[in-house]
PDB file of N, CA and C in Angstrom:
ATOM      1  N   MET A   1      88.748  99.632  46.704  1.00  0.00           N
ATOM      2  CA  MET A   1      89.607 100.288  47.644  1.00  0.00           C
ATOM      3  C   MET A   1      90.909  99.616  47.840  1.00  0.00           C
ATOM      4  N   ALA A   2      91.996 100.315  47.730  1.00  0.00           N
ATOM      5  CA  ALA A   2      93.406  99.756  47.739  1.00  0.00           C
ATOM      6  C   ALA A   2      93.561  99.353  49.197  1.00  0.00           C
ATOM      7  N   PRO A   3      94.302  98.151  49.326  1.00  0.00           N
ATOM      8  CA  PRO A   3      94.768  97.661  50.646  1.00  0.00           C
ATOM      9  C   PRO A   3      95.621  98.712  51.341  1.00  0.00           C
ATOM     10  N   ILE A   4      95.563  98.641  52.664  1.00  0.00           N
ATOM     11  CA  ILE A   4      96.469  99.428  53.521  1.00  0.00           C
ATOM     12  C   ILE A   4      97.803  98.877  53.610  1.00  0.00           C
ATOM     13  N   PRO A   5      98.841  99.618  53.212  1.00  0.00           N
ATOM     14  CA  PRO A   5     100.219  99.022  53.251  1.00  0.00           C
ATOM     15  C   PRO A   5     100.660  98.859  54.715  1.00  0.00           C
ATOM     16  N   HIS A   6     101.390  97.774  54.777  1.00  0.00           N
ATOM     17  CA  HIS A   6     102.023  97.449  56.076  1.00  0.00           C
ATOM     18  C   HIS A   6     103.570  97.377  55.953  1.00  0.00           C
ATOM     19  N   PRO A   7     104.335  98.274  56.791  1.00  0.00           N
ATOM     20  CA  PRO A   7     105.655  98.305  56.651  1.00  0.00           C
ATOM     21  C   PRO A   7     106.292  96.912  56.969  1.00  0.00           C
ATOM     22  N   PRO A   8     107.435  96.701  56.440  1.00  0.00           N
ATOM     23  CA  PRO A   8     108.090  95.452  56.745  1.00  0.00           C
ATOM     24  C   PRO A   8     108.489  95.251  58.310  1.00  0.00           C
ATOM     25  N   THR A   9     108.555  94.237  58.755  1.00  0.00           N
ATOM     26  CA  THR A   9     109.034  94.025  60.221  1.00  0.00           C
ATOM     27  C   THR A   9     110.399  94.273  60.308  1.00  0.00           C
ATOM     28  N   GLU A  10     110.863  95.018  61.407  1.00  0.00           N
ATOM     29  CA  GLU A  10     112.339  95.209  61.512  1.00  0.00           C
ATOM     30  C   GLU A  10     112.924  94.095  62.306  1.00  0.00           C
ATOM     31  N   PRO A  11     114.179  93.881  62.075  1.00  0.00           N
ATOM     32  CA  PRO A  11     114.866  92.820  62.815  1.00  0.00           C
ATOM     33  C   PRO A  11     114.911  93.171  64.394  1.00  0.00           C
ATOM     34  N   GLN A  12     114.783  92.181  65.151  1.00  0.00           N
ATOM     35  CA  GLN A  12     114.841  92.295  66.585  1.00  0.00           C
ATOM     36  C   GLN A  12     116.370  92.412  66.943  1.00  0.00           C
ATOM     37  N   ASP A  13     116.980  93.507  66.770  1.00  0.00           N
ATOM     38  CA  ASP A  13     118.433  93.717  66.888  1.00  0.00           C
ATOM     39  C   ASP A  13     118.655  95.057  67.625  1.00  0.00           C
ATOM     40  N   ASP A  14     119.609  94.987  68.531  1.00  0.00           N
ATOM     41  CA  ASP A  14     119.940  96.176  69.305  1.00  0.00           C
ATOM     42  C   ASP A  14     120.978  97.069  68.583  1.00  0.00           C
ATOM     43  N   PRO A  15     120.661  98.162  68.142  1.00  0.00           N
ATOM     44  CA  PRO A  15     121.721  99.055  67.358  1.00  0.00           C
ATOM     45  C   PRO A  15     122.915  99.241  68.194  1.00  0.00           C
ATOM     46  N   ASP A  16     122.828  99.260  69.587  1.00  0.00           N
ATOM     47  CA  ASP A  16     124.055  99.541  70.336  1.00  0.00           C
ATOM     48  C   ASP A  16     125.114  98.532  70.285  1.00  0.00           C
ATOM     49  N   THR A  17     124.755  97.240  69.793  1.00  0.00           N
ATOM     50  CA  THR A  17     125.700  96.181  69.624  1.00  0.00           C
ATOM     51  C   THR A  17     126.657  96.483  68.475  1.00  0.00           C
ATOM     52  N   TYR A  18     126.414  97.574  67.663  1.00  0.00           N
ATOM     53  CA  TYR A  18     127.343  97.782  66.525  1.00  0.00           C
ATOM     54  C   TYR A  18     128.377  98.854  66.876  1.00  0.00           C
ATOM     55  N   VAL A  19     128.139  99.612  67.958  1.00  0.00           N
ATOM     56  CA  VAL A  19     129.191 100.697  68.334  1.00  0.00           C
ATOM     57  C   VAL A  19     130.438 100.011  68.730  1.00  0.00           C
ATOM     58  N   GLY A  20     131.540 100.526  68.061  1.00  0.00           N
ATOM     59  CA  GLY A  20     132.880 100.005  68.241  1.00  0.00           C
ATOM     60  C   GLY A  20     133.367  99.161  67.125  1.00  0.00           C
ATOM     61  N   LEU A  21     132.465  98.593  66.266  1.00  0.00           N
ATOM     62  CA  LEU A  21     132.862  97.699  65.187  1.00  0.00           C
ATOM     63  C   LEU A  21     133.372  98.535  64.001  1.00  0.00           C
ATOM     64  N   ASP A  22     134.166  97.881  63.167  1.00  0.00           N
ATOM     65  CA  ASP A  22     134.684  98.538  61.942  1.00  0.00           C
ATOM     66  C   ASP A  22     133.385  98.750  61.023  1.00  0.00           C
ATOM     67  N   ALA A  23     133.468  99.677  60.225  1.00  0.00           N
ATOM     68  CA  ALA A  23     132.170 100.044  59.359  1.00  0.00           C
ATOM     69  C   ALA A  23     131.875  98.944  58.469  1.00  0.00           C
ATOM     70  N   ASP A  24     132.696  98.330  57.760  1.00  0.00           N
ATOM     71  CA  ASP A  24     132.454  97.250  56.790  1.00  0.00           C
ATOM     72  C   ASP A  24     131.866  96.024  57.648  1.00  0.00           C
ATOM     73  N   GLY A  25     132.410  95.617  58.722  1.00  0.00           N
ATOM     74  CA  GLY A  25     131.988  94.428  59.500  1.00  0.00           C
ATOM     75  C   GLY A  25     130.612  94.753  59.974  1.00  0.00           C
ATOM     76  N   ALA A  26     130.397  95.888  60.522  1.00  0.00           N
ATOM     77  CA  ALA A  26     128.991  96.358  60.968  1.00  0.00           C
ATOM     78  C   ALA A  26     128.034  96.260  59.921  1.00  0.00           C
ATOM     79  N   GLU A  27     128.310  96.668  58.748  1.00  0.00           N
ATOM     80  CA  GLU A  27     127.213  96.546  57.597  1.00  0.00           C
ATOM     81  C   GLU A  27     127.106  95.203  57.187  1.00  0.00           C
ATOM     82  N   ARG A  28     128.179  94.369  57.153  1.00  0.00           N
ATOM     83  CA  ARG A  28     127.881  92.960  56.785  1.00  0.00           C
ATOM     84  C   ARG A  28     127.022  92.255  57.939  1.00  0.00           C
ATOM     85  N   ARG A  29     127.257  92.507  59.116  1.00  0.00           N
ATOM     86  CA  ARG A  29     126.529  91.901  60.257  1.00  0.00           C
ATOM     87  C   ARG A  29     125.071  92.382  60.202  1.00  0.00           C
ATOM     88  N   ALA A  30     124.851  93.724  59.897  1.00  0.00           N
ATOM     89  CA  ALA A  30     123.457  94.267  59.885  1.00  0.00           C
ATOM     90  C   ALA A  30     122.693  93.557  58.750  1.00  0.00           C
ATOM     91  N   ARG A  31     123.367  93.383  57.517  1.00  0.00           N
ATOM     92  CA  ARG A  31     122.573  92.718  56.513  1.00  0.00           C
ATOM     93  C   ARG A  31     122.296  91.281  56.725  1.00  0.00           C
ATOM     94  N   THR A  32     123.264  90.582  57.458  1.00  0.00           N
ATOM     95  CA  THR A  32     122.919  89.203  57.737  1.00  0.00           C
ATOM     96  C   THR A  32     121.812  88.995  58.856  1.00  0.00           C
ATOM     97  N   ARG A  33     121.647  90.218  59.597  1.00  0.00           N
ATOM     98  CA  ARG A  33     120.513  90.020  60.636  1.00  0.00           C
ATOM     99  C   ARG A  33     119.222  90.559  60.160  1.00  0.00           C
ATOM    100  N   GLY A  34     119.213  90.993  58.835  1.00  0.00           N
ATOM    101  CA  GLY A  34     117.915  91.265  58.252  1.00  0.00           C
ATOM    102  C   GLY A  34     117.570  92.794  57.940  1.00  0.00           C
ATOM    103  N   TRP A  35     118.581  93.616  58.250  1.00  0.00           N
ATOM    104  CA  TRP A  35     118.290  95.012  57.825  1.00  0.00           C
ATOM    105  C   TRP A  35     118.400  95.169  56.349  1.00  0.00           C
ATOM    106  N   SER A  36     117.254  95.753  55.801  1.00  0.00           N
ATOM    107  CA  SER A  36     117.186  95.937  54.300  1.00  0.00           C
ATOM    108  C   SER A  36     118.013  97.065  53.779  1.00  0.00           C
ATOM    109  N   THR A  37     118.199  98.115  54.647  1.00  0.00           N
ATOM    110  CA  THR A  37     118.889  99.325  54.204  1.00  0.00           C
ATOM    111  C   THR A  37     119.962  99.522  55.379  1.00  0.00           C
ATOM    112  N   VAL A  38     121.214  99.824  55.097  1.00  0.00           N
ATOM    113  CA  VAL A  38     122.103 100.182  55.939  1.00  0.00           C
ATOM    114  C   VAL A  38     122.861 101.496  55.469  1.00  0.00           C
ATOM    115  N   ARG A  39     123.062 102.474  56.370  1.00  0.00           N
ATOM    116  CA  ARG A  39     123.542 103.757  55.882  1.00  0.00           C
ATOM    117  C   ARG A  39     124.644 104.154  56.881  1.00  0.00           C
ATOM    118  N   ALA A  40     125.809 104.420  56.271  1.00  0.00           N
ATOM    119  CA  ALA A  40     126.917 104.914  57.057  1.00  0.00           C
ATOM    120  C   ALA A  40     127.105 106.428  56.806  1.00  0.00           C
ATOM    121  N   LEU A  41     127.155 107.160  57.864  1.00  0.00           N
ATOM    122  CA  LEU A  41     127.269 108.711  57.793  1.00  0.00           C
ATOM    123  C   LEU A  41     128.427 109.100  58.568  1.00  0.00           C
ATOM    124  N   PRO A  42     129.045 110.221  58.069  1.00  0.00           N
ATOM    125  CA  PRO A  42     130.183 110.962  58.838  1.00  0.00           C
ATOM    126  C   PRO A  42     129.542 111.638  59.977  1.00  0.00           C
ATOM    127  N   PRO A  43     130.297 111.934  61.086  1.00  0.00           N
ATOM    128  CA  PRO A  43     129.856 112.692  62.242  1.00  0.00           C
ATOM    129  C   PRO A  43     129.382 114.109  61.818  1.00  0.00           C
ATOM    130  N   GLY A  44     128.176 114.453  62.227  1.00  0.00           N
ATOM    131  CA  GLY A  44     127.604 115.780  61.950  1.00  0.00           C
ATOM    132  C   GLY A  44     126.900 115.814  60.586  1.00  0.00           C
ATOM    133  N   ALA A  45     126.741 114.742  60.054  1.00  0.00           N
ATOM    134  CA  ALA A  45     126.096 114.824  58.722  1.00  0.00           C
ATOM    135  C   ALA A  45     124.643 115.344  58.901  1.00  0.00           C
ATOM    136  N   ILE A  46     124.333 116.077  57.738  1.00  0.00           N
ATOM    137  CA  ILE A  46     122.961 116.628  57.826  1.00  0.00           C
ATOM    138  C   ILE A  46     122.054 115.598  57.007  1.00  0.00           C
ATOM    139  N   ILE A  47     120.976 115.107  57.688  1.00  0.00           N
ATOM    140  CA  ILE A  47     120.179 114.116  57.196  1.00  0.00           C
ATOM    141  C   ILE A  47     118.752 114.458  57.406  1.00  0.00           C
ATOM    142  N   THR A  48     117.862 113.899  56.619  1.00  0.00           N
ATOM    143  CA  THR A  48     116.407 114.149  56.857  1.00  0.00           C
ATOM    144  C   THR A  48     115.954 113.295  58.043  1.00  0.00           C
ATOM    145  N   MET A  49     114.758 113.677  58.561  1.00  0.00           N
ATOM    146  CA  MET A  49     114.284 112.984  59.790  1.00  0.00           C
ATOM    147  C   MET A  49     113.148 111.977  59.512  1.00  0.00           C
ATOM    148  N   GLU A  50     113.086 111.536  58.289  1.00  0.00           N
ATOM    149  CA  GLU A  50     112.013 110.605  57.922  1.00  0.00           C
ATOM    150  C   GLU A  50     112.338 109.197  58.518  1.00  0.00           C
ATOM    151  N   TYR A  51     111.456 108.528  59.130  1.00  0.00           N
ATOM    152  CA  TYR A  51     111.719 107.202  59.569  1.00  0.00           C
ATOM    153  C   TYR A  51     111.480 106.148  58.479  1.00  0.00           C
ATOM    154  N   ARG A  52     112.371 105.157  58.238  1.00  0.00           N
ATOM    155  CA  ARG A  52     112.205 104.231  57.342  1.00  0.00           C
ATOM    156  C   ARG A  52     112.341 102.901  58.055  1.00  0.00           C
ATOM    157  N   SER A  53     111.409 102.131  58.019  1.00  0.00           N
ATOM    158  CA  SER A  53     111.353 100.749  58.708  1.00  0.00           C
ATOM    159  C   SER A  53     112.415  99.943  58.026  1.00  0.00           C
ATOM    160  N   GLY A  54     113.132  99.171  58.647  1.00  0.00           N
ATOM    161  CA  GLY A  54     114.092  98.309  58.047  1.00  0.00           C
ATOM    162  C   GLY A  54     115.495  98.937  57.785  1.00  0.00           C
ATOM    163  N   ARG A  55     115.621 100.307  58.124  1.00  0.00           N
ATOM    164  CA  ARG A  55     116.992 100.907  57.891  1.00  0.00           C
ATOM    165  C   ARG A  55     117.689 101.013  59.190  1.00  0.00           C
ATOM    166  N   LEU A  56     118.999 100.815  59.141  1.00  0.00           N
ATOM    167  CA  LEU A  56     119.940 100.985  60.152  1.00  0.00           C
ATOM    168  C   LEU A  56     120.869 102.102  59.838  1.00  0.00           C
ATOM    169  N   ASN A  57     121.148 103.114  60.662  1.00  0.00           N
ATOM    170  CA  ASN A  57     122.149 104.100  60.429  1.00  0.00           C
ATOM    171  C   ASN A  57     123.305 103.969  61.347  1.00  0.00           C
ATOM    172  N   PHE A  58     124.424 104.247  60.744  1.00  0.00           N
ATOM    173  CA  PHE A  58     125.683 104.272  61.446  1.00  0.00           C
ATOM    174  C   PHE A  58     126.409 105.630  61.335  1.00  0.00           C
ATOM    175  N   GLU A  59     126.795 106.080  62.480  1.00  0.00           N
ATOM    176  CA  GLU A  59     127.734 107.316  62.394  1.00  0.00           C
ATOM    177  C   GLU A  59     129.037 106.700  62.512  1.00  0.00           C
ATOM    178  N   VAL A  60     129.848 106.955  61.580  1.00  0.00           N
ATOM    179  CA  VAL A  60     131.232 106.434  61.445  1.00  0.00           C
ATOM    180  C   VAL A  60     132.304 107.494  61.533  1.00  0.00           C
ATOM    181  N   LYS A  61     133.327 107.195  62.496  1.00  0.00           N
ATOM    182  CA  LYS A  61     134.426 108.163  62.509  1.00  0.00           C
ATOM    183  C   LYS A  61     135.746 107.242  62.591  1.00  0.00           C
ATOM    184  N   ASP A  62     136.726 107.495  61.732  1.00  0.00           N
ATOM    185  CA  ASP A  62     137.960 106.773  61.663  1.00  0.00           C
ATOM    186  C   ASP A  62     137.658 105.259  61.499  1.00  0.00           C
ATOM    187  N   ASP A  63     136.668 104.924  60.636  1.00  0.00           N
ATOM    188  CA  ASP A  63     136.316 103.700  60.248  1.00  0.00           C
ATOM    189  C   ASP A  63     135.723 102.810  61.360  1.00  0.00           C
ATOM    190  N   ARG A  64     135.217 103.504  62.438  1.00  0.00           N
ATOM    191  CA  ARG A  64     134.556 102.714  63.495  1.00  0.00           C
ATOM    192  C   ARG A  64     133.177 103.406  63.709  1.00  0.00           C
ATOM    193  N   VAL A  65     132.200 102.455  64.018  1.00  0.00           N
ATOM    194  CA  VAL A  65     130.903 102.934  64.323  1.00  0.00           C
ATOM    195  C   VAL A  65     130.890 103.546  65.717  1.00  0.00           C
ATOM    196  N   VAL A  66     130.494 104.872  65.795  1.00  0.00           N
ATOM    197  CA  VAL A  66     130.507 105.546  67.081  1.00  0.00           C
ATOM    198  C   VAL A  66     128.973 105.690  67.605  1.00  0.00           C
ATOM    199  N   ARG A  67     128.054 105.458  66.710  1.00  0.00           N
ATOM    200  CA  ARG A  67     126.616 105.660  67.047  1.00  0.00           C
ATOM    201  C   ARG A  67     125.908 104.811  66.044  1.00  0.00           C
ATOM    202  N   ALA A  68     124.657 104.179  66.608  1.00  0.00           N
ATOM    203  CA  ALA A  68     123.909 103.386  65.639  1.00  0.00           C
ATOM    204  C   ALA A  68     122.435 103.624  66.020  1.00  0.00           C
ATOM    205  N   TRP A  69     121.491 103.706  65.050  1.00  0.00           N
ATOM    206  CA  TRP A  69     120.106 104.032  65.347  1.00  0.00           C
ATOM    207  C   TRP A  69     119.221 103.496  64.210  1.00  0.00           C
ATOM    208  N   LYS A  70     118.006 103.116  64.594  1.00  0.00           N
ATOM    209  CA  LYS A  70     117.076 102.659  63.571  1.00  0.00           C
ATOM    210  C   LYS A  70     116.466 103.778  62.831  1.00  0.00           C
ATOM    211  N   GLY A  71     115.966 103.517  61.608  1.00  0.00           N
ATOM    212  CA  GLY A  71     115.179 104.430  60.850  1.00  0.00           C
ATOM    213  C   GLY A  71     115.852 105.175  59.820  1.00  0.00           C
TER     214      GLY A  71
END
């Protein structure tokens, strides 16, 4: 029988701390804090709703993070 997979542990990091940062700086900070995937999206982007452990999403407007969330 195959082992049960365990998702990677997410960084203990508050996504709200990225709001207001420039997009490039926010991505660099997220990667140094252990996020395996960082995704920048324009406001109103249509995305799928699957949750991916280790992913941090940014909504970026005028090169500033206006919203950040896990998954």
